Each structure stands twice: as C-alpha cells, then as structure tokens.
Amino acid sequence: MAYTIVQEKRGALVVHADHVTFNDLMGAIMSIHSNPDYASFKYVVHDMLQAQLDFSGLDMTVIVSHEIGARYTNPHIKIAVVTVDAMMVEHTEAFAKMTKAHIGIYPDLASARQWAQAINP
C-alpha cells in the first residue's frame, strides 16, 4: 500500500509515499469515500510530497465518476492536494474543472491544512 489514511476530527489526511500508481490513488479515494463518517467530513488532504507518481494507467473517467458520486453524499467537502509535481498539478486542475469540486493545490502541508480546515463557505 502506497498510502496511509489518518482520520481527523473534521476530515482525513492521506499521506502518499514511495511509488504511487493510479490504482493506489484510487484505492485511497475509495477508502475515503466508503468511510462511514464521510458525509460529515469537511476536508481531505492528499499529501503527495513523498510520492513518486506513476500515472501511466490514469483513467480520468474513473476518478471523476467516483468523485461525482461521492459528492451526492458530501457536496461541501474541500480537497487539498500537496504537491510540487507539475504532472500532478495538471491532473488535479483538470479533475477540478471536470468535477467542479472545491480543490486547492499547495506546495506544503501547513498551507494545505490551513486552507482545508478553514470554515467552509
């Protein structure tokens, strides 16, 4: 497993490390979406700083469809992605446009946490 999920009071932190494939990312997302407390989460932070990304098997329709479905359960969740990887930024921006999700991209965990934990509008 290339990720660790830490459930927090108002959301979750997902730390991705080592070699991370698209399937690893989907595993983390599916675990978050199937969490019994997901409907009350205010945020999810994906820390990708220690990850070596391999998205050669990327299927944007799969990730987008899961997110759109999950938004019926929790339409106000904020998603923060911590990365300095240009490819991850590009994919995250495309994902945000397709899903209309409330997503922030940050170069460090402290900034992502500050944004994610701020009161939702």
Protein backbone atom coordinates (compact mmCIF):
# COMPACT_ATOMS: atom_id res chain seq x y z
CA MET A 1 0.00 0.00 0.00
CA ALA A 2 1.47 3.35 -1.03
CA TYR A 3 -0.69 5.46 1.27
CA THR A 4 -1.73 5.92 4.87
CA ILE A 5 -5.06 7.44 5.90
CA VAL A 6 -5.32 9.31 9.18
CA GLN A 7 -8.88 10.18 10.16
CA GLU A 8 -9.04 13.52 11.92
CA LYS A 9 -11.84 15.26 13.80
CA ARG A 10 -13.25 17.05 10.74
CA GLY A 11 -11.71 15.12 7.86
CA ALA A 12 -8.82 12.98 6.76
CA LEU A 13 -5.16 13.21 5.85
CA VAL A 14 -3.92 10.82 3.18
CA VAL A 15 -0.14 10.52 3.02
CA HIS A 16 1.09 9.02 -0.24
CA ALA A 17 4.66 7.70 -0.28
CA ASP A 18 7.07 5.76 -2.43
CA HIS A 19 5.89 4.52 -5.83
CA VAL A 20 2.26 5.61 -6.28
CA THR A 21 0.21 4.34 -9.22
CA PHE A 22 -3.21 5.45 -10.38
CA ASN A 23 -4.63 2.30 -8.76
CA ASP A 24 -3.01 3.28 -5.44
CA LEU A 25 -4.60 6.73 -5.67
CA MET A 26 -7.99 5.17 -6.47
CA GLY A 27 -7.59 2.80 -3.50
CA ALA A 28 -7.11 5.78 -1.19
CA ILE A 29 -10.05 7.65 -2.71
CA MET A 30 -12.34 4.61 -2.46
CA SER A 31 -11.33 4.12 1.18
CA ILE A 32 -12.19 7.74 1.95
CA HIS A 33 -15.50 7.62 0.07
CA SER A 34 -16.54 4.40 1.83
CA ASN A 35 -15.70 5.70 5.31
CA PRO A 36 -18.86 5.67 7.47
CA ASP A 37 -18.10 9.26 8.55
CA TYR A 38 -17.52 10.58 5.01
CA ALA A 39 -20.81 12.52 4.94
CA SER A 40 -19.59 14.68 7.84
CA PHE A 41 -16.02 15.26 6.59
CA LYS A 42 -15.17 18.90 5.93
CA TYR A 43 -11.90 18.15 4.10
CA VAL A 44 -9.49 15.59 2.73
CA VAL A 45 -5.81 16.46 2.36
CA HIS A 46 -3.73 14.36 -0.04
CA ASP A 47 -0.03 14.81 0.81
CA MET A 48 1.87 13.74 -2.32
CA LEU A 49 5.27 15.27 -1.44
CA GLN A 50 6.96 11.90 -0.74
CA ALA A 51 5.38 10.12 -3.71
CA GLN A 52 7.00 9.07 -6.94
CA LEU A 53 3.98 9.22 -9.22
CA ASP A 54 3.33 6.69 -11.96
CA PHE A 55 0.00 7.57 -13.54
CA SER A 56 0.63 5.67 -16.76
CA GLY A 57 -2.68 3.85 -16.16
CA LEU A 58 -4.60 7.07 -15.49
CA ASP A 59 -8.29 6.85 -16.39
CA MET A 60 -9.79 10.24 -15.63
CA THR A 61 -13.34 8.94 -16.23
CA VAL A 62 -12.99 6.53 -13.31
CA ILE A 63 -11.73 9.10 -10.81
CA VAL A 64 -14.23 11.73 -11.96
CA SER A 65 -17.21 9.36 -11.78
CA HIS A 66 -16.29 8.29 -8.24
CA GLU A 67 -15.94 11.90 -7.13
CA ILE A 68 -19.23 12.98 -8.68
CA GLY A 69 -20.99 10.08 -6.96
CA ALA A 70 -19.38 10.86 -3.61
CA ARG A 71 -20.43 14.49 -3.89
CA TYR A 72 -24.06 13.38 -3.58
CA THR A 73 -23.16 12.19 -0.08
CA ASN A 74 -20.97 15.19 0.81
CA PRO A 75 -21.30 18.12 -1.62
CA HIS A 76 -19.33 20.60 0.52
CA ILE A 77 -16.10 18.69 1.13
CA LYS A 78 -12.85 20.50 0.39
CA ILE A 79 -9.95 18.61 -1.17
CA ALA A 80 -6.38 19.81 -0.77
CA VAL A 81 -3.52 18.32 -2.76
CA VAL A 82 0.02 18.89 -1.53
CA THR A 83 2.44 18.57 -4.43
CA VAL A 84 5.16 20.30 -6.39
CA ASP A 85 4.97 17.76 -9.21
CA ALA A 86 3.92 19.53 -12.42
CA MET A 87 2.07 16.46 -13.76
CA MET A 88 0.07 16.10 -10.54
CA VAL A 89 -0.83 19.80 -10.61
CA GLU A 90 -2.00 19.46 -14.22
CA HIS A 91 -4.11 16.37 -13.47
CA THR A 92 -5.57 17.95 -10.34
CA GLU A 93 -6.56 21.11 -12.20
CA ALA A 94 -8.24 19.03 -14.94
CA PHE A 95 -10.04 16.97 -12.28
CA ALA A 96 -11.26 20.16 -10.56
CA LYS A 97 -12.65 21.52 -13.83
CA MET A 98 -14.48 18.29 -14.63
CA THR A 99 -15.97 17.73 -11.17
CA LYS A 100 -16.46 21.35 -10.06
CA ALA A 101 -15.04 20.18 -6.72
CA HIS A 102 -13.64 22.66 -4.20
CA ILE A 103 -9.92 21.85 -4.63
CA GLY A 104 -6.78 23.63 -3.53
CA ILE A 105 -3.22 22.81 -4.62
CA TYR A 106 -0.40 23.68 -2.22
CA PRO A 107 3.38 23.19 -2.11
CA ASP A 108 3.44 22.40 1.63
CA LEU A 109 1.28 20.61 4.17
CA ALA A 110 0.88 23.59 6.52
CA SER A 111 -0.70 25.77 3.80
CA ALA A 112 -2.97 22.94 2.67
CA ARG A 113 -4.14 22.30 6.24
CA GLN A 114 -4.81 25.98 6.85
CA TRP A 115 -6.99 26.21 3.72
CA ALA A 116 -8.72 22.87 4.24
CA GLN A 117 -9.54 23.45 7.89
CA ALA A 118 -10.90 26.96 7.38
CA ILE A 119 -14.66 27.21 7.77
CA ASN A 120 -16.44 26.10 4.61
CA PRO A 121 -18.36 28.84 2.81
